[in-house]
Amino acid sequence: MEEYENLTGVLKFEYDSANLANKNDIYQPVKNEKGIYFTCTPYNEKNPKRPIMLSADKLLYITIITSDIPYIVARAKTHGFNDFNIATPEMMRNFPWTEHYRYYVDLYDIEVINGFISKGIPLTDFSKDAIPCWKQASYRRLSKDVTLKINKIFSSYNDLIKF
């Protein structure tokens, strides 16, 4: 856990209320055409807001939104957002959803909980004070205490899949 102690935890949500994941699916990180794992954030043409908060000093907790509750299913480091992290026409052909979710950050040192999404860490295990207003967000910064708690839970899994 020492390798994560200087990183700020961020819940990075995947899926949304219009497109919910099945909790009985298995999460797999997505690779772009260059073989780099990545995660995206929404792009609003009228008000393009770059995800600069997703910087290199963050530890991302990939959180899948299902029809009942969100589950944390993976943690990953990132090099952070830069001005070149915008979906290319090739990415949009390969991953049509990147037309709406154009901004991305690369992921590395990814650890995924082995099994169904529902085997992940349910956000309902945390108080609303610990993780405020997770609805309608693409990502949420976490306190140091919550980050430590999530890392402790991750460390209790002995069958994490590493990418």
Protein backbone atom coordinates (compact mmCIF):
# COMPACT_ATOMS: atom_id res chain seq x y z
CA MET A 1 0.00 0.00 0.00
CA GLU A 2 3.00 2.31 0.38
CA GLU A 3 3.09 2.87 -3.37
CA TYR A 4 -0.34 4.52 -3.16
CA GLU A 5 0.07 6.63 -0.01
CA ASN A 6 1.08 9.84 -1.84
CA LEU A 7 -1.74 9.61 -4.38
CA THR A 8 -5.15 11.24 -4.03
CA GLY A 9 -8.04 8.84 -4.56
CA VAL A 10 -10.67 9.59 -7.19
CA LEU A 11 -13.79 7.61 -8.00
CA LYS A 12 -13.91 7.38 -11.80
CA PHE A 13 -17.39 6.35 -12.90
CA GLU A 14 -18.07 4.18 -15.92
CA TYR A 15 -21.54 3.95 -17.52
CA ASP A 16 -24.34 6.38 -16.71
CA SER A 17 -28.04 6.40 -15.87
CA ALA A 18 -28.97 6.02 -19.55
CA ASN A 19 -26.58 3.09 -19.99
CA LEU A 20 -26.30 0.92 -16.88
CA ALA A 21 -23.94 -2.04 -16.55
CA ASN A 22 -25.12 -5.51 -15.64
CA LYS A 23 -23.72 -6.41 -12.20
CA ASN A 24 -23.24 -9.99 -13.44
CA ASP A 25 -20.81 -8.88 -16.16
CA ILE A 26 -17.03 -8.92 -15.73
CA TYR A 27 -15.16 -5.62 -15.99
CA GLN A 28 -12.34 -5.48 -18.52
CA PRO A 29 -10.19 -2.36 -19.00
CA VAL A 30 -10.36 -0.92 -22.52
CA LYS A 31 -7.29 -0.61 -24.78
CA ASN A 32 -6.98 1.92 -27.58
CA GLU A 33 -5.46 1.31 -31.02
CA LYS A 34 -1.97 1.93 -29.58
CA GLY A 35 -2.45 -0.76 -26.93
CA ILE A 36 -2.82 1.74 -24.08
CA TYR A 37 -5.54 1.25 -21.47
CA PHE A 38 -7.77 4.28 -20.99
CA THR A 39 -10.91 5.68 -19.40
CA CYS A 40 -13.03 8.54 -20.72
CA THR A 41 -14.98 11.52 -19.45
CA PRO A 42 -17.87 13.33 -21.16
CA TYR A 43 -17.33 15.98 -23.79
CA ASN A 44 -19.82 18.81 -24.12
CA GLU A 45 -19.33 20.69 -27.36
CA LYS A 46 -21.06 23.82 -26.02
CA ASN A 47 -18.99 23.85 -22.84
CA PRO A 48 -15.89 21.68 -23.24
CA LYS A 49 -14.50 21.18 -19.74
CA ARG A 50 -11.23 19.29 -19.72
CA PRO A 51 -10.78 16.78 -16.87
CA ILE A 52 -7.66 18.48 -15.49
CA MET A 53 -8.45 17.12 -12.02
CA LEU A 54 -7.45 13.69 -13.35
CA SER A 55 -3.75 14.37 -12.96
CA ALA A 56 -0.73 12.13 -12.44
CA ASP A 57 -0.96 12.39 -8.65
CA LYS A 58 -4.34 10.63 -8.62
CA LEU A 59 -5.24 7.00 -7.98
CA LEU A 60 -8.37 6.18 -9.94
CA TYR A 61 -10.96 3.76 -8.58
CA ILE A 62 -12.94 2.51 -11.55
CA THR A 63 -16.54 2.50 -10.36
CA ILE A 64 -19.22 0.80 -12.44
CA ILE A 65 -22.79 2.10 -12.29
CA THR A 66 -25.30 -0.77 -12.32
CA SER A 67 -29.09 -0.80 -12.06
CA ASP A 68 -28.96 -1.19 -8.28
CA ILE A 69 -25.72 0.42 -6.93
CA PRO A 70 -22.24 1.44 -8.09
CA TYR A 71 -19.34 -0.93 -7.40
CA ILE A 72 -15.62 -0.13 -7.28
CA VAL A 73 -14.07 -2.84 -9.46
CA ALA A 74 -10.53 -1.64 -10.17
CA ARG A 75 -7.83 0.80 -9.18
CA ALA A 76 -5.27 2.28 -11.54
CA LYS A 77 -2.62 4.94 -11.83
CA THR A 78 -2.69 7.51 -14.60
CA HIS A 79 -0.23 9.88 -16.26
CA GLY A 80 -3.06 12.41 -16.12
CA PHE A 81 -4.95 14.43 -18.67
CA ASN A 82 -3.12 16.50 -21.25
CA ASP A 83 -4.30 18.44 -24.31
CA PHE A 84 -3.58 15.49 -26.59
CA ASN A 85 -5.95 13.18 -24.70
CA ILE A 86 -8.93 13.74 -26.99
CA ALA A 87 -10.46 10.86 -28.93
CA THR A 88 -9.20 10.62 -32.48
CA PRO A 89 -11.41 9.73 -35.45
CA GLU A 90 -9.88 6.23 -35.30
CA MET A 91 -10.82 5.86 -31.62
CA MET A 92 -14.36 7.01 -32.42
CA ARG A 93 -14.61 4.36 -35.16
CA ASN A 94 -13.31 1.62 -32.84
CA PHE A 95 -15.24 2.81 -29.77
CA PRO A 96 -18.36 4.72 -30.88
CA TRP A 97 -19.07 5.85 -27.30
CA THR A 98 -15.90 8.01 -27.41
CA GLU A 99 -17.80 10.46 -29.61
CA HIS A 100 -19.68 11.52 -26.46
CA TYR A 101 -16.83 10.68 -24.05
CA ARG A 102 -13.97 12.29 -25.97
CA TYR A 103 -11.59 13.22 -23.19
CA TYR A 104 -9.54 10.37 -21.81
CA VAL A 105 -6.67 9.52 -19.52
CA ASP A 106 -4.39 6.55 -19.89
CA LEU A 107 -4.28 3.89 -17.19
CA TYR A 108 -1.41 1.74 -15.97
CA ASP A 109 -0.69 -0.52 -12.98
CA ILE A 110 -4.35 -1.56 -13.17
CA GLU A 111 -5.69 -4.01 -10.59
CA VAL A 112 -9.14 -5.47 -11.24
CA ILE A 113 -11.21 -7.46 -8.77
CA ASN A 114 -11.51 -10.98 -10.18
CA GLY A 115 -15.14 -11.87 -10.83
CA PHE A 116 -18.46 -10.25 -11.54
CA ILE A 117 -18.93 -6.52 -11.09
CA SER A 118 -21.08 -7.33 -8.04
CA LYS A 119 -17.99 -8.78 -6.34
CA GLY A 120 -16.59 -5.24 -6.24
CA ILE A 121 -16.77 -2.79 -3.36
CA PRO A 122 -20.31 -1.34 -3.16
CA LEU A 123 -20.43 2.42 -2.66
CA THR A 124 -23.23 1.80 -0.18
CA ASP A 125 -20.51 0.52 2.19
CA PHE A 126 -19.53 4.15 2.69
CA SER A 127 -21.52 6.94 4.34
CA LYS A 128 -22.88 9.80 2.28
CA ASP A 129 -20.45 12.04 4.17
CA ALA A 130 -17.51 9.94 3.01
CA ILE A 131 -18.58 9.93 -0.64
CA PRO A 132 -20.88 12.89 -1.24
CA CYS A 133 -23.17 13.12 -4.22
CA TRP A 134 -21.80 10.41 -6.48
CA LYS A 135 -24.83 10.66 -8.77
CA GLN A 136 -24.50 12.70 -11.96
CA ALA A 137 -20.72 12.81 -11.87
CA SER A 138 -17.97 11.40 -14.05
CA TYR A 139 -15.46 11.47 -11.20
CA ARG A 140 -15.25 12.45 -7.54
CA ARG A 141 -12.22 13.24 -5.40
CA LEU A 142 -11.95 11.27 -2.15
CA SER A 143 -10.61 12.19 1.26
CA LYS A 144 -7.36 10.61 2.48
CA ASP A 145 -9.31 8.51 5.03
CA VAL A 146 -11.66 7.07 2.39
CA THR A 147 -8.73 6.42 0.03
CA LEU A 148 -6.92 4.51 2.80
CA LYS A 149 -10.06 2.50 3.57
CA ILE A 150 -10.57 1.53 -0.08
CA ASN A 151 -6.89 0.58 -0.42
CA LYS A 152 -7.17 -1.59 2.68
CA ILE A 153 -10.18 -3.38 1.19
CA PHE A 154 -8.33 -3.84 -2.12
CA SER A 155 -5.36 -5.32 -0.26
CA SER A 156 -7.68 -7.92 1.28
CA TYR A 157 -8.43 -9.38 -2.17
CA ASN A 158 -5.89 -12.07 -2.95
CA ASP A 159 -6.95 -12.67 -6.56
CA LEU A 160 -6.63 -9.24 -8.20
CA ILE A 161 -5.99 -9.33 -11.95
CA LYS A 162 -3.15 -7.02 -13.00
CA PHE A 163 -2.96 -5.23 -16.33
